[in-house]
Protein backbone atom coordinates (compact mmCIF):
# COMPACT_ATOMS: atom_id res chain seq x y z
CA MET A 1 0.00 0.00 0.00
CA MET A 2 2.51 2.66 -0.94
CA ARG A 3 1.31 4.18 -4.16
CA HIS A 4 -1.72 2.23 -5.28
CA ILE A 5 -3.33 -0.26 -2.82
CA LEU A 6 -6.79 -1.60 -3.96
CA ALA A 7 -8.48 -1.64 -7.64
CA THR A 8 -10.29 -3.22 -11.46
CA LEU A 9 -11.93 -3.29 -15.01
CA GLY A 10 -10.83 -1.25 -18.06
CA THR A 11 -8.64 -3.97 -19.40
CA VAL A 12 -9.65 -6.35 -16.65
CA PHE A 13 -6.82 -7.37 -14.36
CA SER A 14 -6.95 -10.03 -11.71
CA ALA A 15 -4.37 -9.81 -8.89
CA PHE A 16 -3.90 -6.80 -6.63
CA SER A 17 -1.97 -5.00 -3.91
CA PHE A 18 -2.46 -1.96 -1.68
CA VAL A 19 -0.32 1.10 -2.36
CA ALA A 20 -0.70 4.80 -1.68
CA CYS A 21 -0.30 7.17 -4.62
CA MET A 22 0.80 10.77 -4.27
CA ALA A 23 -0.57 12.79 -7.15
CA GLY A 24 1.81 15.74 -7.04
CA GLU A 25 3.78 16.37 -3.91
CA ALA A 26 3.93 19.74 -2.23
CA PRO A 27 7.38 21.24 -1.58
CA GLN A 28 8.98 19.76 1.53
CA ASP A 29 11.00 21.29 4.31
CA VAL A 30 14.60 20.10 4.38
CA ASP A 31 16.60 18.88 7.37
CA GLN A 32 19.44 21.38 7.59
CA GLU A 33 21.91 18.77 8.86
CA THR A 34 21.19 15.84 6.57
CA GLY A 35 19.70 17.65 3.58
CA GLU A 36 16.85 15.12 3.52
CA GLU A 37 13.25 16.16 2.98
CA LEU A 38 11.06 16.30 6.07
CA VAL A 39 7.56 14.83 5.81
CA SER A 40 4.62 14.81 8.16
CA GLU A 41 3.54 11.63 9.95
CA ALA A 42 0.52 11.39 7.65
CA GLU A 43 2.67 11.70 4.53
CA GLN A 44 5.13 9.14 5.84
CA ALA A 45 2.27 6.73 6.55
CA ILE A 46 1.22 7.05 2.91
CA LYS A 47 4.76 6.45 1.68
CA ASN A 48 5.21 3.45 3.95
CA GLY A 49 1.73 2.06 3.35
CA THR A 50 -0.57 0.88 6.12
CA PRO A 51 0.83 -2.26 7.79
CA ALA A 52 -1.68 -4.75 9.14
CA ASP A 53 -1.61 -7.67 11.55
CA ALA A 54 -2.82 -10.91 9.96
CA SER A 55 -4.86 -11.71 13.09
CA GLU A 56 -7.06 -8.65 12.51
CA ALA A 57 -8.99 -10.57 9.86
CA MET A 58 -7.25 -13.98 9.78
CA VAL A 59 -5.47 -13.04 6.55
CA VAL A 60 -3.13 -15.49 4.84
CA ARG A 61 -0.65 -15.26 1.99
CA ILE A 62 -1.11 -17.76 -0.81
CA PHE A 63 1.73 -19.05 -2.97
CA ALA A 64 0.31 -20.69 -6.08
CA PRO A 65 2.00 -22.28 -9.11
CA ASP A 66 0.86 -19.39 -11.30
CA GLY A 67 1.33 -16.48 -8.88
CA GLY A 68 0.65 -15.12 -5.42
CA CYS A 69 -2.66 -14.10 -3.84
CA THR A 70 -4.27 -13.29 -0.49
CA GLY A 71 -6.91 -15.26 1.40
CA THR A 72 -8.94 -15.48 4.61
CA LEU A 73 -9.08 -18.27 7.17
CA ILE A 74 -12.69 -19.17 7.96
CA SER A 75 -11.53 -22.08 10.11
CA SER A 76 -8.15 -23.45 11.13
CA SER A 77 -7.94 -25.50 7.91
CA ARG A 78 -10.02 -23.66 5.28
CA VAL A 79 -9.07 -20.56 3.29
CA VAL A 80 -11.45 -18.50 1.15
CA THR A 81 -9.88 -16.66 -1.77
CA ALA A 82 -10.61 -15.57 -5.32
CA GLY A 83 -11.47 -18.35 -7.77
CA HIS A 84 -8.90 -17.13 -10.28
CA CYS A 85 -6.20 -17.70 -7.63
CA VAL A 86 -6.84 -21.47 -7.52
CA THR A 87 -7.07 -22.52 -11.15
CA SER A 88 -3.98 -24.73 -11.21
CA ASN A 89 -4.30 -28.45 -10.46
CA ASP A 90 -0.68 -28.57 -9.26
CA ILE A 91 -1.78 -28.87 -5.62
CA PRO A 92 1.64 -29.89 -4.19
CA ASN A 93 3.03 -26.52 -5.26
CA TYR A 94 0.45 -24.46 -3.35
CA ALA A 95 1.40 -23.12 0.07
CA VAL A 96 -0.34 -20.88 2.61
CA THR A 97 1.36 -18.86 5.35
CA TYR A 98 -0.21 -17.33 8.44
CA ALA A 99 1.73 -15.44 11.12
CA GLY A 100 5.01 -16.93 9.86
CA THR A 101 3.73 -20.53 9.80
CA ALA A 102 3.35 -22.40 6.51
CA ARG A 103 0.90 -25.12 5.50
CA GLY A 104 0.49 -27.15 2.37
CA VAL A 105 -2.79 -27.57 0.50
CA GLY A 106 -4.60 -30.90 0.41
CA GLN A 107 -7.65 -30.01 -1.65
CA ILE A 108 -9.08 -27.23 -3.78
CA ILE A 109 -12.85 -26.68 -3.81
CA ARG A 110 -14.05 -24.93 -6.93
CA ARG A 111 -17.52 -23.80 -7.87
CA VAL A 112 -19.52 -25.77 -10.44
CA ASN A 113 -20.06 -22.68 -12.60
CA PRO A 114 -16.90 -20.56 -12.34
CA ASP A 115 -17.86 -18.37 -15.29
CA ASP A 116 -20.84 -16.64 -13.68
CA GLY A 117 -18.72 -13.84 -12.21
CA VAL A 118 -18.70 -15.21 -8.65
CA ASP A 119 -14.91 -15.27 -8.28
CA VAL A 120 -14.47 -17.48 -5.20
CA GLY A 121 -12.60 -20.65 -4.29
CA ILE A 122 -11.63 -22.59 -1.16
CA LEU A 123 -8.30 -24.13 -0.20
CA VAL A 124 -8.41 -27.03 2.28
CA LEU A 125 -5.08 -27.18 4.10
CA SER A 126 -3.16 -30.43 4.44
CA SER A 127 -2.97 -29.79 8.19
CA ALA A 128 -4.72 -27.21 10.35
CA PHE A 129 -2.99 -24.17 11.82
CA PRO A 130 -2.52 -24.53 15.61
CA LEU A 131 -5.19 -22.02 16.53
CA GLY A 132 -7.19 -22.14 19.76
CA GLN A 133 -10.89 -22.92 20.05
CA LEU A 134 -11.58 -19.30 20.99
CA THR A 135 -10.08 -17.94 17.76
CA GLU A 136 -12.50 -15.49 16.16
CA TYR A 137 -12.77 -15.88 12.41
CA PRO A 138 -14.56 -13.31 10.25
CA GLN A 139 -18.22 -14.25 10.02
CA VAL A 140 -19.72 -15.20 6.66
CA ASN A 141 -23.38 -14.20 6.56
CA VAL A 142 -25.93 -14.27 3.75
CA SER A 143 -27.06 -10.67 3.28
CA ASP A 144 -27.91 -8.34 0.38
CA THR A 145 -25.17 -6.16 -1.06
CA ASP A 146 -27.57 -3.21 -0.77
CA HIS A 147 -26.95 -3.22 2.99
CA LEU A 148 -23.26 -2.46 2.38
CA ILE A 149 -23.61 0.55 0.07
CA GLY A 150 -22.16 3.67 1.70
CA ARG A 151 -20.53 1.74 4.54
CA GLN A 152 -16.80 1.61 5.22
CA VAL A 153 -14.88 -1.65 4.96
CA THR A 154 -11.24 -2.52 5.58
CA CYS A 155 -9.61 -4.50 2.77
CA TYR A 156 -6.36 -6.46 3.13
CA GLY A 157 -3.72 -7.63 0.68
CA TRP A 158 -0.26 -9.19 0.38
CA GLY A 159 0.24 -7.64 -3.03
CA ALA A 160 2.67 -5.13 -4.45
CA VAL A 161 3.40 -1.81 -2.73
CA ASP A 162 3.90 0.21 -5.89
CA VAL A 163 3.26 0.08 -9.63
CA GLY A 164 5.50 1.47 -12.34
CA GLY A 165 5.38 1.78 -16.09
CA ALA A 166 4.66 -0.66 -18.89
CA CYS A 167 7.17 -3.43 -19.50
CA THR A 168 7.96 -6.68 -21.23
CA SER A 169 11.05 -7.52 -19.17
CA ASN A 170 12.70 -6.64 -15.86
CA ALA A 171 15.28 -4.53 -17.72
CA GLN A 172 12.55 -1.96 -18.41
CA CYS A 173 11.71 -1.51 -14.71
CA ALA A 174 13.33 0.79 -12.17
CA ALA A 175 15.51 -0.56 -9.38
CA GLY A 176 13.47 -2.59 -6.90
CA PHE A 177 10.71 -3.30 -9.43
CA THR A 178 10.10 -6.44 -11.46
CA CYS A 179 8.04 -6.92 -14.61
CA ASP A 180 4.80 -8.86 -14.32
CA THR A 181 4.33 -10.12 -17.87
CA GLU A 182 0.65 -10.95 -17.30
CA TRP A 183 -0.09 -7.33 -16.45
CA SER A 184 2.78 -5.92 -18.60
CA ARG A 185 3.60 -3.53 -15.75
CA CYS A 186 6.43 -3.03 -13.29
CA PHE A 187 5.60 -3.82 -9.65
CA LYS A 188 7.48 -3.44 -6.38
CA SER A 189 6.79 -6.45 -4.18
CA SER A 190 5.85 -6.25 -0.50
CA ALA A 191 7.14 -8.23 2.45
CA ILE A 192 4.33 -7.18 4.79
CA LEU A 193 0.54 -7.34 4.86
CA ARG A 194 -1.23 -4.04 4.18
CA LYS A 195 -4.74 -2.69 4.53
CA GLY A 196 -6.89 0.24 3.47
CA THR A 197 -10.29 1.64 4.45
CA PHE A 198 -12.78 2.23 1.65
CA THR A 199 -16.42 3.15 1.14
CA VAL A 200 -18.58 0.57 -0.66
CA ILE A 201 -20.32 1.77 -3.80
CA SER A 202 -22.72 -0.11 -6.06
CA ASP A 203 -21.39 -1.90 -9.12
CA PRO A 204 -23.17 -0.64 -12.26
CA ASP A 205 -22.91 -3.96 -14.08
CA GLU A 206 -23.63 -6.75 -11.57
CA PRO A 207 -24.80 -5.12 -8.30
CA ASN A 208 -25.88 -8.47 -6.79
CA ILE A 209 -22.54 -10.15 -7.51
CA TRP A 210 -19.93 -7.42 -7.07
CA PHE A 211 -19.45 -4.12 -5.31
CA ARG A 212 -16.88 -1.42 -5.97
CA LEU A 213 -14.62 0.58 -3.68
CA ASP A 214 -14.06 4.33 -3.75
CA VAL A 215 -10.52 4.24 -5.09
CA PRO A 216 -8.17 5.81 -4.62
CA ASN A 217 -9.22 6.47 -1.02
CA ALA A 218 -8.24 9.46 1.09
CA SER A 219 -4.74 8.00 1.46
CA GLY A 220 -4.40 7.38 -2.27
CA GLN A 221 -4.75 3.62 -1.89
CA LEU A 222 -6.10 1.07 -4.36
CA LEU A 223 -5.53 -2.59 -5.34
CA LEU A 224 -2.40 -3.99 -7.04
CA ALA A 225 -0.98 -7.35 -8.11
CA GLY A 226 -1.16 -9.91 -5.29
CA ASP A 227 -4.18 -8.42 -3.45
CA SER A 228 -6.57 -10.72 -5.32
CA GLY A 229 -8.56 -12.94 -2.99
CA GLY A 230 -7.98 -10.68 0.02
CA PRO A 231 -10.87 -9.94 2.37
CA CYS A 232 -12.94 -6.80 2.72
CA ILE A 233 -14.07 -6.76 6.33
CA LEU A 234 -17.05 -4.95 7.87
CA ASP A 235 -16.57 -4.26 11.57
CA ASN A 236 -19.82 -4.25 13.54
CA PRO A 237 -19.03 -2.31 16.72
CA ASP A 238 -22.52 -2.92 18.13
CA TRP A 239 -21.91 -6.65 18.32
CA GLY A 240 -18.11 -6.67 18.42
CA THR A 241 -17.99 -8.88 15.33
CA LYS A 242 -16.15 -8.81 12.02
CA HIS A 243 -17.79 -9.92 8.78
CA LEU A 244 -16.25 -11.10 5.51
CA VAL A 245 -18.36 -9.05 3.10
CA GLY A 246 -16.17 -9.05 -0.01
CA ILE A 247 -13.31 -10.85 -1.74
CA ASN A 248 -10.94 -8.72 -3.83
CA LYS A 249 -11.48 -9.52 -7.50
CA ASP A 250 -10.16 -7.00 -10.08
CA SER A 251 -8.30 -3.72 -10.52
CA ASP A 252 -7.43 -1.33 -13.32
CA LEU A 253 -4.49 0.05 -11.26
CA SER A 254 -6.09 3.47 -11.41
CA SER A 255 -9.69 4.22 -10.50
CA VAL A 256 -11.69 0.99 -10.28
CA SER A 257 -11.61 -1.78 -7.66
CA ILE A 258 -14.11 -4.63 -7.61
CA ALA A 259 -14.86 -7.17 -4.90
CA THR A 260 -17.11 -10.21 -5.09
CA SER A 261 -19.94 -9.58 -2.64
CA ARG A 262 -21.03 -11.88 0.18
CA GLU A 263 -24.51 -11.93 -1.38
CA ALA A 264 -23.04 -14.01 -4.21
CA PHE A 265 -20.66 -16.28 -2.28
CA ALA A 266 -21.88 -16.74 1.31
CA SER A 267 -24.28 -19.66 0.71
CA TRP A 268 -21.68 -21.59 -1.27
CA VAL A 269 -18.90 -20.96 1.26
CA LEU A 270 -21.12 -22.02 4.18
CA ALA A 271 -22.14 -25.19 2.35
CA ASN A 272 -18.45 -26.10 1.98
CA ASP A 273 -17.20 -25.07 5.41
C-alpha cells in the first residue's frame, strides 16, 4: 500500500496490492543537517503504506503455481480466496502462510459454474494451523449487497506496494521493481501485509454479484498485483464482530476496484465449510 493499494476493469486485471499514490507532492522542508526532505507523519504513513496484523482478519498469503494471492481463514484449515487464484491443479506446489507458519494444501474446492462472475474458491489445508478454540474468524453471513452501500470496509492484501510503467522484461523496470508479464507492468513487491479503508459503492454492471470501492481512497490507496482474494471486512461495533463481506477480485491500477460480494458467495462458502 505505498502508491496504489486496492483496484479493477478497463482492461480487466486479476491480482492486486495496496499502495498509496501521491498525485503531485507539495514542496517539503529540508533537514538542515542531513539535507533530507522532512515529511509529516501522515505523509510518511502514505509512503510506507498501512501495515496490518494478519490476526485482525485472519489473513493469509497464498503461494500458487501461477502467482501469489491473499486469502482469509474461515476455520483453522479452510481458506477463502478468489477463484482465479486457484485454477492450477498442481496442488503440491500451493502453500499458505499465516503469522510466519506455513501449510500445504490438500484439496481445492471450486464452484460448479466458475464463469458466472462469482470469483471465489476454497483451499483445504493439508494440516490445520494450531489455533485455539476461541479464535474469532470473520463471520460469513448471507445478506444483500444493498446493505453495504455507503458503509466503510477494511480490505487487506499481500500484493505489491507500488506500480510502475509498462514493461515486457525486468530490464525496463526501475531498481526494486520487477516486470509482471501478465499485467505488462512493473511492480514493487511487498514483504508485509497491508490494509486500506474504503467506502462501498454499487457496481453498475452486476450489483448483486460485485461491489466497488471508492478508489483511490483518502490516502491514495487502491488494489495492485497480489491483493486478489484478500478480504474486505465490515466491523460491527454494536456486536463486536467482524464480517467477511467481499473478496478482492479485479483492478485497473487506477480508479476501479471490484470485490465479489457476500450476497453471491456466502451460501456456497457455508455449504463447503
